[in-house]
């Protein structure tokens, strides 16, 4: 089976949004959750810009995920939430391997 992994930073709203994303991936795409990003076919990060050092956390985790994508090029990587909304161009510039 194909797997997904969601990392959520921040507020209750992000927790809710991540739960909705998980529902769509499970019910709509037939993926199963995993606690191990190295096993995932879809890696999603739901970000929050309110918390301290939010951007640094995003780019640090993207660095880890870049290695996973190098090993498994089919992996889809997505970034959502506040940091993605505010820093979308910076993310694309610094992490061109991000798919959505």
N, C-alpha and C. Protein backbone atom coordinates (compact mmCIF):
# COMPACT_ATOMS: atom_id res chain seq x y z
N UNK A 1 0.83 -1.21 0.00
CA UNK A 1 0.00 0.00 0.00
C UNK A 1 0.86 1.26 0.00
N UNK A 2 0.29 2.33 -0.49
CA UNK A 2 0.98 3.62 -0.49
C UNK A 2 0.68 4.34 0.83
N UNK A 3 1.65 5.12 1.30
CA UNK A 3 1.55 5.75 2.61
C UNK A 3 1.69 7.27 2.52
N UNK A 4 1.17 7.93 3.56
CA UNK A 4 1.37 9.37 3.69
C UNK A 4 1.86 9.69 5.10
N UNK A 5 2.54 10.83 5.19
CA UNK A 5 3.03 11.34 6.47
C UNK A 5 2.72 12.83 6.51
N UNK A 6 2.11 13.29 7.59
CA UNK A 6 1.80 14.71 7.76
C UNK A 6 2.48 15.22 9.02
N UNK A 7 3.26 16.30 8.87
CA UNK A 7 3.88 16.98 10.01
C UNK A 7 3.13 18.29 10.21
N UNK A 8 2.60 18.50 11.41
CA UNK A 8 1.81 19.69 11.70
C UNK A 8 2.52 20.55 12.73
N UNK A 9 2.67 21.83 12.39
CA UNK A 9 3.22 22.81 13.32
C UNK A 9 2.10 23.75 13.73
N UNK A 10 2.04 24.10 15.02
CA UNK A 10 1.22 25.23 15.43
C UNK A 10 -0.12 24.93 16.03
N UNK A 11 -1.08 25.70 15.59
CA UNK A 11 -2.36 25.91 16.27
C UNK A 11 -3.36 24.77 16.08
N UNK A 12 -4.47 24.89 16.81
CA UNK A 12 -5.56 23.92 16.71
C UNK A 12 -6.15 23.89 15.31
N UNK A 13 -6.20 25.04 14.66
CA UNK A 13 -6.73 25.08 13.29
C UNK A 13 -5.87 24.20 12.37
N UNK A 14 -4.57 24.26 12.54
CA UNK A 14 -3.70 23.42 11.73
C UNK A 14 -3.92 21.94 12.04
N UNK A 15 -4.13 21.63 13.32
CA UNK A 15 -4.42 20.24 13.69
C UNK A 15 -5.69 19.76 12.97
N UNK A 16 -6.71 20.60 12.96
CA UNK A 16 -7.96 20.28 12.28
C UNK A 16 -7.71 20.11 10.78
N UNK A 17 -6.99 21.07 10.18
CA UNK A 17 -6.72 21.01 8.73
C UNK A 17 -5.94 19.75 8.38
N UNK A 18 -4.99 19.39 9.21
CA UNK A 18 -4.20 18.18 8.95
C UNK A 18 -5.07 16.93 9.03
N UNK A 19 -6.00 16.92 9.97
CA UNK A 19 -6.93 15.79 10.08
C UNK A 19 -7.79 15.68 8.83
N UNK A 20 -8.21 16.81 8.29
CA UNK A 20 -9.00 16.81 7.04
C UNK A 20 -8.15 16.30 5.88
N UNK A 21 -6.90 16.75 5.80
CA UNK A 21 -6.00 16.27 4.74
C UNK A 21 -5.83 14.76 4.84
N UNK A 22 -5.67 14.27 6.06
CA UNK A 22 -5.52 12.83 6.27
C UNK A 22 -6.76 12.09 5.80
N UNK A 23 -7.94 12.63 6.09
CA UNK A 23 -9.19 12.02 5.63
C UNK A 23 -9.22 11.91 4.11
N UNK A 24 -8.85 12.98 3.43
CA UNK A 24 -8.87 12.99 1.96
C UNK A 24 -7.87 11.97 1.41
N UNK A 25 -6.68 11.93 1.98
CA UNK A 25 -5.67 10.99 1.50
C UNK A 25 -6.10 9.54 1.74
N UNK A 26 -6.73 9.30 2.89
CA UNK A 26 -7.17 7.95 3.22
C UNK A 26 -8.38 7.54 2.38
N UNK A 27 -9.41 8.37 2.42
CA UNK A 27 -10.67 8.00 1.78
C UNK A 27 -10.66 8.26 0.28
N UNK A 28 -10.04 9.36 -0.13
CA UNK A 28 -10.05 9.72 -1.54
C UNK A 28 -8.98 9.06 -2.37
N UNK A 29 -7.80 8.87 -1.78
CA UNK A 29 -6.67 8.33 -2.53
C UNK A 29 -6.27 6.93 -2.09
N UNK A 30 -6.88 6.44 -1.02
CA UNK A 30 -6.59 5.09 -0.55
C UNK A 30 -5.22 4.91 0.09
N UNK A 31 -4.63 6.00 0.57
CA UNK A 31 -3.33 5.91 1.23
C UNK A 31 -3.52 5.58 2.70
N UNK A 32 -2.48 5.01 3.30
CA UNK A 32 -2.52 4.71 4.73
C UNK A 32 -1.46 5.54 5.45
N UNK A 33 -1.73 5.93 6.69
CA UNK A 33 -0.77 6.76 7.42
C UNK A 33 0.46 5.97 7.86
N UNK A 34 1.57 6.68 8.00
CA UNK A 34 2.78 6.11 8.57
C UNK A 34 3.42 7.13 9.50
N UNK A 35 4.08 6.65 10.53
CA UNK A 35 4.82 7.53 11.43
C UNK A 35 6.26 7.73 10.96
N UNK A 36 6.63 7.05 9.88
CA UNK A 36 8.00 7.10 9.37
C UNK A 36 8.03 7.80 8.01
N UNK A 37 8.53 9.03 7.95
CA UNK A 37 8.58 9.75 6.67
C UNK A 37 9.32 8.98 5.58
N UNK A 38 10.28 8.16 5.95
CA UNK A 38 11.05 7.40 4.95
C UNK A 38 10.20 6.36 4.24
N UNK A 39 9.05 6.01 4.82
CA UNK A 39 8.15 5.03 4.20
C UNK A 39 7.03 5.68 3.41
N UNK A 40 6.93 6.99 3.45
CA UNK A 40 5.79 7.69 2.86
C UNK A 40 5.98 7.94 1.36
N UNK A 41 4.87 7.89 0.64
CA UNK A 41 4.83 8.27 -0.77
C UNK A 41 4.40 9.72 -0.92
N UNK A 42 3.73 10.23 0.10
CA UNK A 42 3.30 11.63 0.15
C UNK A 42 3.74 12.21 1.49
N UNK A 43 4.50 13.30 1.44
CA UNK A 43 4.95 14.01 2.64
C UNK A 43 4.32 15.38 2.65
N UNK A 44 3.53 15.68 3.67
CA UNK A 44 2.89 16.99 3.77
C UNK A 44 3.29 17.67 5.06
N UNK A 45 3.52 18.97 4.95
CA UNK A 45 3.86 19.79 6.11
C UNK A 45 2.82 20.89 6.20
N UNK A 46 2.16 20.98 7.35
CA UNK A 46 1.18 22.03 7.59
C UNK A 46 1.82 23.01 8.57
N UNK A 47 2.10 24.22 8.09
CA UNK A 47 2.96 25.14 8.82
C UNK A 47 2.20 26.24 9.54
N UNK A 48 2.86 26.83 10.53
CA UNK A 48 2.31 27.94 11.30
C UNK A 48 3.38 29.01 11.42
N UNK A 49 3.04 30.24 11.10
CA UNK A 49 4.03 31.32 11.16
C UNK A 49 4.02 32.06 12.50
N UNK A 50 3.09 31.72 13.37
CA UNK A 50 2.98 32.41 14.65
C UNK A 50 4.07 31.92 15.61
N UNK A 51 4.35 30.65 15.57
CA UNK A 51 5.34 30.08 16.49
C UNK A 51 6.74 30.57 16.17
N UNK A 52 7.54 30.62 17.19
CA UNK A 52 8.93 31.08 17.06
C UNK A 52 9.72 30.17 16.13
N UNK A 53 10.53 30.78 15.30
CA UNK A 53 11.43 30.06 14.39
C UNK A 53 10.68 29.15 13.43
N UNK A 54 9.49 29.54 13.03
CA UNK A 54 8.68 28.70 12.15
C UNK A 54 9.39 28.42 10.82
N UNK A 55 9.92 29.48 10.21
CA UNK A 55 10.59 29.29 8.92
C UNK A 55 11.77 28.35 9.03
N UNK A 56 12.56 28.51 10.08
CA UNK A 56 13.73 27.66 10.25
C UNK A 56 13.33 26.19 10.37
N UNK A 57 12.23 25.94 11.09
CA UNK A 57 11.75 24.57 11.23
C UNK A 57 11.32 24.01 9.88
N UNK A 58 10.63 24.83 9.09
CA UNK A 58 10.16 24.39 7.78
C UNK A 58 11.35 24.01 6.91
N UNK A 59 12.33 24.90 6.80
CA UNK A 59 13.46 24.63 5.91
C UNK A 59 14.35 23.50 6.43
N UNK A 60 14.44 23.35 7.74
CA UNK A 60 15.19 22.24 8.31
C UNK A 60 14.55 20.90 7.93
N UNK A 61 13.24 20.82 8.11
CA UNK A 61 12.53 19.59 7.76
C UNK A 61 12.57 19.34 6.26
N UNK A 62 12.45 20.40 5.46
CA UNK A 62 12.55 20.23 4.01
C UNK A 62 13.92 19.68 3.61
N UNK A 63 14.96 20.06 4.33
CA UNK A 63 16.28 19.51 4.06
C UNK A 63 16.32 18.00 4.26
N UNK A 64 15.65 17.53 5.32
CA UNK A 64 15.56 16.09 5.57
C UNK A 64 14.76 15.41 4.46
N UNK A 65 13.65 16.03 4.09
CA UNK A 65 12.78 15.44 3.07
C UNK A 65 13.45 15.43 1.70
N UNK A 66 14.32 16.40 1.45
CA UNK A 66 15.04 16.43 0.17
C UNK A 66 15.85 15.15 0.00
N UNK A 67 16.49 14.70 1.08
CA UNK A 67 17.26 13.45 1.02
C UNK A 67 16.34 12.27 0.70
N UNK A 68 15.15 12.25 1.29
CA UNK A 68 14.21 11.17 1.00
C UNK A 68 13.80 11.19 -0.47
N UNK A 69 13.56 12.38 -1.01
CA UNK A 69 13.15 12.49 -2.42
C UNK A 69 14.30 12.10 -3.35
N UNK A 70 15.53 12.37 -2.95
CA UNK A 70 16.68 11.95 -3.75
C UNK A 70 16.73 10.43 -3.83
N UNK A 71 16.42 9.76 -2.72
CA UNK A 71 16.44 8.30 -2.67
C UNK A 71 15.21 7.70 -3.36
N UNK A 72 14.09 8.41 -3.30
CA UNK A 72 12.82 7.90 -3.84
C UNK A 72 12.14 9.03 -4.61
N UNK A 73 12.53 9.25 -5.88
CA UNK A 73 12.06 10.42 -6.64
C UNK A 73 10.55 10.52 -6.83
N UNK A 74 9.83 9.41 -6.68
CA UNK A 74 8.37 9.45 -6.86
C UNK A 74 7.64 10.13 -5.70
N UNK A 75 8.31 10.33 -4.58
CA UNK A 75 7.68 10.91 -3.40
C UNK A 75 7.19 12.32 -3.71
N UNK A 76 5.94 12.60 -3.33
CA UNK A 76 5.37 13.95 -3.48
C UNK A 76 5.55 14.70 -2.17
N UNK A 77 6.01 15.95 -2.26
CA UNK A 77 6.22 16.78 -1.08
C UNK A 77 5.36 18.03 -1.21
N UNK A 78 4.57 18.30 -0.17
CA UNK A 78 3.71 19.48 -0.16
C UNK A 78 3.86 20.28 1.12
N UNK A 79 3.78 21.59 0.98
CA UNK A 79 3.84 22.49 2.13
C UNK A 79 2.60 23.37 2.11
N UNK A 80 1.86 23.39 3.21
CA UNK A 80 0.68 24.22 3.32
C UNK A 80 0.73 25.04 4.60
N UNK A 81 -0.34 25.76 4.86
CA UNK A 81 -0.41 26.56 6.07
C UNK A 81 0.13 27.96 5.90
N UNK A 82 0.31 28.63 7.03
CA UNK A 82 0.66 30.06 7.03
C UNK A 82 2.02 30.37 6.43
N UNK A 83 3.03 29.58 6.76
CA UNK A 83 4.36 29.85 6.21
C UNK A 83 4.32 29.69 4.70
N UNK A 84 3.62 28.68 4.21
CA UNK A 84 3.52 28.49 2.76
C UNK A 84 2.81 29.66 2.10
N UNK A 85 1.76 30.17 2.74
CA UNK A 85 1.03 31.31 2.18
C UNK A 85 1.90 32.56 2.14
N UNK A 86 2.66 32.79 3.19
CA UNK A 86 3.45 34.02 3.30
C UNK A 86 4.79 33.92 2.60
N UNK A 87 5.35 32.74 2.53
CA UNK A 87 6.72 32.57 2.03
C UNK A 87 6.79 31.61 0.84
N UNK A 88 5.71 31.52 0.08
CA UNK A 88 5.65 30.56 -1.03
C UNK A 88 6.80 30.68 -2.01
N UNK A 89 7.10 31.91 -2.42
CA UNK A 89 8.18 32.11 -3.38
C UNK A 89 9.53 31.73 -2.79
N UNK A 90 9.74 32.03 -1.52
CA UNK A 90 11.00 31.67 -0.86
C UNK A 90 11.14 30.15 -0.78
N UNK A 91 10.03 29.47 -0.51
CA UNK A 91 10.07 28.01 -0.45
C UNK A 91 10.43 27.44 -1.82
N UNK A 92 9.78 27.94 -2.86
CA UNK A 92 10.08 27.46 -4.22
C UNK A 92 11.54 27.75 -4.58
N UNK A 93 12.02 28.92 -4.20
CA UNK A 93 13.40 29.29 -4.49
C UNK A 93 14.43 28.44 -3.77
N UNK A 94 14.18 28.19 -2.49
CA UNK A 94 15.15 27.44 -1.67
C UNK A 94 14.94 25.94 -1.73
N UNK A 95 13.74 25.51 -2.09
CA UNK A 95 13.43 24.08 -2.10
C UNK A 95 12.64 23.73 -3.36
N UNK A 96 13.29 23.79 -4.53
CA UNK A 96 12.57 23.56 -5.79
C UNK A 96 12.03 22.14 -5.95
N UNK A 97 12.43 21.23 -5.07
CA UNK A 97 11.95 19.86 -5.11
C UNK A 97 10.56 19.71 -4.51
N UNK A 98 10.03 20.77 -3.88
CA UNK A 98 8.67 20.74 -3.33
C UNK A 98 7.68 20.71 -4.49
N UNK A 99 6.72 19.78 -4.41
CA UNK A 99 5.77 19.58 -5.51
C UNK A 99 4.54 20.46 -5.40
N UNK A 100 4.08 20.72 -4.17
CA UNK A 100 2.89 21.56 -3.99
C UNK A 100 2.90 22.21 -2.63
